[in-house]
Amino acid sequence: MIAKMEDEALFPLYVRLDDGALERIEGLDRILNHLEATDIENDEYMFWDAAGNGLKILIDKGKVSGFEKVGNKITLQQAFQGYAQQLAELEATIDVSGSPEESWREVQKAEESLPRTPGFFESIFRRKKK
């Protein structure tokens, strides 16, 4: 569902992390649940709204204070394509030629199809059984 905030940003937001992975943020109150304010202020991420507009998240005193439209180095579509290439290297097939919403659904399906890596405790217990 697309929600509008103060005529500045359409939710959900998409964020490209420093490793090229993409995350989706459903609402204003969720931004700092996923990301650190300092990293946002240091421009470690690229953001887009649901319409694909580049955004800068404005931080004041450790809280989100608003948005500023910006021209990112790449488009949201290019960010999806880059992440799709990363997933393809892990042998997940993905088609990101559709809308941001469709591309996100494809990303979710691809991520779910990847083999799960064992957690720390699981790998310890597996070693003990041998």
C-alpha atoms as a PDB file:
ATOM      1  CA  MET A   1       0.000   0.000   0.000  1.00  0.00           C
ATOM      2  CA  ILE A   2       1.319   3.449  -0.904  1.00  0.00           C
ATOM      3  CA  ALA A   3       0.926   6.143   1.748  1.00  0.00           C
ATOM      4  CA  LYS A   4       1.733   9.803   1.297  1.00  0.00           C
ATOM      5  CA  MET A   5       3.506  11.875   3.937  1.00  0.00           C
ATOM      6  CA  GLU A   6       3.392  15.641   3.854  1.00  0.00           C
ATOM      7  CA  ASP A   7       3.339  15.644   0.030  1.00  0.00           C
ATOM      8  CA  GLU A   8       7.046  14.802   0.125  1.00  0.00           C
ATOM      9  CA  ALA A   9       7.467  11.042   0.115  1.00  0.00           C
ATOM     10  CA  LEU A  10       5.316   8.145  -0.955  1.00  0.00           C
ATOM     11  CA  PHE A  11       5.646   5.111   1.276  1.00  0.00           C
ATOM     12  CA  PRO A  12       6.945   2.476   1.143  1.00  0.00           C
ATOM     13  CA  LEU A  13      10.516   3.704   0.855  1.00  0.00           C
ATOM     14  CA  TYR A  14      13.290   1.655  -0.689  1.00  0.00           C
ATOM     15  CA  VAL A  15      16.838   1.883   0.616  1.00  0.00           C
ATOM     16  CA  ARG A  16      20.027   0.629  -0.984  1.00  0.00           C
ATOM     17  CA  LEU A  17      22.413  -0.483   1.720  1.00  0.00           C
ATOM     18  CA  ASP A  18      26.156  -0.063   1.447  1.00  0.00           C
ATOM     19  CA  ASP A  19      26.530  -3.715   0.322  1.00  0.00           C
ATOM     20  CA  GLY A  20      24.064  -3.210  -2.556  1.00  0.00           C
ATOM     21  CA  ALA A  21      21.174  -5.050  -0.902  1.00  0.00           C
ATOM     22  CA  LEU A  22      17.750  -3.426  -0.872  1.00  0.00           C
ATOM     23  CA  GLU A  23      15.337  -3.036   1.988  1.00  0.00           C
ATOM     24  CA  ARG A  24      11.821  -1.713   2.085  1.00  0.00           C
ATOM     25  CA  ILE A  25      10.575   0.592   4.820  1.00  0.00           C
ATOM     26  CA  GLU A  26       6.816   0.703   5.295  1.00  0.00           C
ATOM     27  CA  GLY A  27       6.433   3.871   7.346  1.00  0.00           C
ATOM     28  CA  LEU A  28       8.128   6.865   8.901  1.00  0.00           C
ATOM     29  CA  ASP A  29       8.265   5.194  12.314  1.00  0.00           C
ATOM     30  CA  ARG A  30      10.178   2.236  10.819  1.00  0.00           C
ATOM     31  CA  ILE A  31      13.121   4.162   9.310  1.00  0.00           C
ATOM     32  CA  LEU A  32      15.274   4.189  12.431  1.00  0.00           C
ATOM     33  CA  ASN A  33      14.274   0.610  13.293  1.00  0.00           C
ATOM     34  CA  HIS A  34      16.325  -0.553  10.313  1.00  0.00           C
ATOM     35  CA  LEU A  35      19.024   2.092   9.990  1.00  0.00           C
ATOM     36  CA  GLU A  36      21.187   4.216  12.252  1.00  0.00           C
ATOM     37  CA  ALA A  37      20.690   7.978  12.201  1.00  0.00           C
ATOM     38  CA  THR A  38      24.449   8.595  11.962  1.00  0.00           C
ATOM     39  CA  ASP A  39      24.743   6.390   8.873  1.00  0.00           C
ATOM     40  CA  ILE A  40      21.822   8.206   7.263  1.00  0.00           C
ATOM     41  CA  GLU A  41      23.429  11.580   8.007  1.00  0.00           C
ATOM     42  CA  ASN A  42      26.696  10.316   6.489  1.00  0.00           C
ATOM     43  CA  ASP A  43      24.873   9.388   3.243  1.00  0.00           C
ATOM     44  CA  GLU A  44      25.793   5.724   3.505  1.00  0.00           C
ATOM     45  CA  TYR A  45      22.478   4.752   1.896  1.00  0.00           C
ATOM     46  CA  MET A  46      20.391   5.788  -1.088  1.00  0.00           C
ATOM     47  CA  PHE A  47      16.647   6.173  -0.654  1.00  0.00           C
ATOM     48  CA  TRP A  48      13.706   6.271  -3.057  1.00  0.00           C
ATOM     49  CA  ASP A  49      10.003   6.635  -2.446  1.00  0.00           C
ATOM     50  CA  ALA A  50       7.325   4.352  -3.903  1.00  0.00           C
ATOM     51  CA  ALA A  51       7.241   6.434  -7.091  1.00  0.00           C
ATOM     52  CA  GLY A  52      11.002   6.022  -7.589  1.00  0.00           C
ATOM     53  CA  ASN A  53      11.917   9.571  -6.590  1.00  0.00           C
ATOM     54  CA  GLY A  54      15.344   9.923  -4.962  1.00  0.00           C
ATOM     55  CA  LEU A  55      15.199  11.059  -1.349  1.00  0.00           C
ATOM     56  CA  LYS A  56      17.463  12.232   1.386  1.00  0.00           C
ATOM     57  CA  ILE A  57      16.238  11.483   4.879  1.00  0.00           C
ATOM     58  CA  LEU A  58      16.727  14.518   7.093  1.00  0.00           C
ATOM     59  CA  ILE A  59      17.855  13.832  10.643  1.00  0.00           C
ATOM     60  CA  ASP A  60      17.662  16.300  13.524  1.00  0.00           C
ATOM     61  CA  LYS A  61      18.776  15.342  17.040  1.00  0.00           C
ATOM     62  CA  GLY A  62      18.777  11.656  16.146  1.00  0.00           C
ATOM     63  CA  LYS A  63      15.224  11.672  14.765  1.00  0.00           C
ATOM     64  CA  VAL A  64      13.764  11.805  11.265  1.00  0.00           C
ATOM     65  CA  SER A  65      12.729  15.395  10.630  1.00  0.00           C
ATOM     66  CA  GLY A  66      11.691  15.190   6.990  1.00  0.00           C
ATOM     67  CA  PHE A  67      12.668  14.417   3.419  1.00  0.00           C
ATOM     68  CA  GLU A  68      14.438  16.213   0.627  1.00  0.00           C
ATOM     69  CA  LYS A  69      14.104  15.158  -2.998  1.00  0.00           C
ATOM     70  CA  VAL A  70      17.504  14.432  -4.525  1.00  0.00           C
ATOM     71  CA  GLY A  71      18.971  12.936  -7.644  1.00  0.00           C
ATOM     72  CA  ASN A  72      20.679   9.702  -6.596  1.00  0.00           C
ATOM     73  CA  LYS A  73      23.687   8.357  -8.522  1.00  0.00           C
ATOM     74  CA  ILE A  74      21.475   5.539  -9.776  1.00  0.00           C
ATOM     75  CA  THR A  75      17.756   5.066 -10.262  1.00  0.00           C
ATOM     76  CA  LEU A  76      15.612   2.753  -8.184  1.00  0.00           C
ATOM     77  CA  GLN A  77      15.362   0.461 -11.211  1.00  0.00           C
ATOM     78  CA  GLN A  78      19.176   0.301 -11.434  1.00  0.00           C
ATOM     79  CA  ALA A  79      19.347  -0.477  -7.707  1.00  0.00           C
ATOM     80  CA  PHE A  80      16.917  -3.378  -8.236  1.00  0.00           C
ATOM     81  CA  GLN A  81      18.972  -4.589 -11.201  1.00  0.00           C
ATOM     82  CA  GLY A  82      22.181  -4.477  -9.168  1.00  0.00           C
ATOM     83  CA  TYR A  83      20.620  -6.416  -6.329  1.00  0.00           C
ATOM     84  CA  ALA A  84      19.152  -8.903  -8.811  1.00  0.00           C
ATOM     85  CA  GLN A  85      22.694  -9.538 -10.077  1.00  0.00           C
ATOM     86  CA  GLN A  86      23.870 -10.230  -6.514  1.00  0.00           C
ATOM     87  CA  LEU A  87      21.008 -12.671  -6.016  1.00  0.00           C
ATOM     88  CA  ALA A  88      21.739 -14.318  -9.386  1.00  0.00           C
ATOM     89  CA  GLU A  89      25.297 -14.992  -8.197  1.00  0.00           C
ATOM     90  CA  LEU A  90      23.683 -16.944  -5.358  1.00  0.00           C
ATOM     91  CA  GLU A  91      21.654 -18.818  -7.989  1.00  0.00           C
ATOM     92  CA  ALA A  92      18.334 -17.063  -7.412  1.00  0.00           C
ATOM     93  CA  THR A  93      16.398 -16.043 -10.501  1.00  0.00           C
ATOM     94  CA  ILE A  94      14.708 -12.688 -10.404  1.00  0.00           C
ATOM     95  CA  ASP A  95      12.884 -10.380 -12.823  1.00  0.00           C
ATOM     96  CA  VAL A  96      12.973  -6.739 -11.769  1.00  0.00           C
ATOM     97  CA  SER A  97      11.603  -5.224 -14.955  1.00  0.00           C
ATOM     98  CA  GLY A  98       8.255  -4.288 -13.418  1.00  0.00           C
ATOM     99  CA  SER A  99       7.085  -1.576 -11.054  1.00  0.00           C
ATOM    100  CA  PRO A 100       8.870  -1.089  -7.721  1.00  0.00           C
ATOM    101  CA  GLU A 101       6.078  -3.059  -6.007  1.00  0.00           C
ATOM    102  CA  GLU A 102       6.398  -5.948  -8.481  1.00  0.00           C
ATOM    103  CA  SER A 103      10.198  -5.871  -8.279  1.00  0.00           C
ATOM    104  CA  TRP A 104      10.045  -5.985  -4.485  1.00  0.00           C
ATOM    105  CA  ARG A 105       7.803  -9.070  -4.614  1.00  0.00           C
ATOM    106  CA  GLU A 106      10.351 -10.693  -6.940  1.00  0.00           C
ATOM    107  CA  VAL A 107      13.178  -9.817  -4.544  1.00  0.00           C
ATOM    108  CA  GLN A 108      11.263 -11.372  -1.650  1.00  0.00           C
ATOM    109  CA  LYS A 109      10.634 -14.588  -3.614  1.00  0.00           C
ATOM    110  CA  ALA A 110      14.296 -14.765  -4.654  1.00  0.00           C
ATOM    111  CA  GLU A 111      15.555 -14.206  -1.102  1.00  0.00           C
ATOM    112  CA  GLU A 112      13.210 -16.925   0.201  1.00  0.00           C
ATOM    113  CA  SER A 113      14.519 -19.375  -2.410  1.00  0.00           C
ATOM    114  CA  LEU A 114      18.124 -19.012  -1.251  1.00  0.00           C
ATOM    115  CA  PRO A 115      19.574 -21.758   0.901  1.00  0.00           C
ATOM    116  CA  ARG A 116      19.525 -20.739   4.536  1.00  0.00           C
ATOM    117  CA  THR A 117      22.931 -20.313   6.120  1.00  0.00           C
ATOM    118  CA  PRO A 118      23.251 -21.997   9.506  1.00  0.00           C
ATOM    119  CA  GLY A 119      23.289 -19.741  12.520  1.00  0.00           C
ATOM    120  CA  PHE A 120      26.109 -19.665  15.019  1.00  0.00           C
ATOM    121  CA  PHE A 121      24.577 -22.113  17.514  1.00  0.00           C
ATOM    122  CA  GLU A 122      23.304 -24.404  14.772  1.00  0.00           C
ATOM    123  CA  SER A 123      26.820 -24.722  13.311  1.00  0.00           C
ATOM    124  CA  ILE A 124      28.288 -25.492  16.771  1.00  0.00           C
ATOM    125  CA  PHE A 125      25.747 -28.221  17.489  1.00  0.00           C
ATOM    126  CA  ARG A 126      26.134 -29.695  14.022  1.00  0.00           C
ATOM    127  CA  ARG A 127      29.920 -29.975  14.558  1.00  0.00           C
ATOM    128  CA  LYS A 128      29.422 -31.752  17.888  1.00  0.00           C
ATOM    129  CA  LYS A 129      27.209 -34.429  16.323  1.00  0.00           C
ATOM    130  CA  LYS A 130      29.965 -35.556  13.944  1.00  0.00           C
END
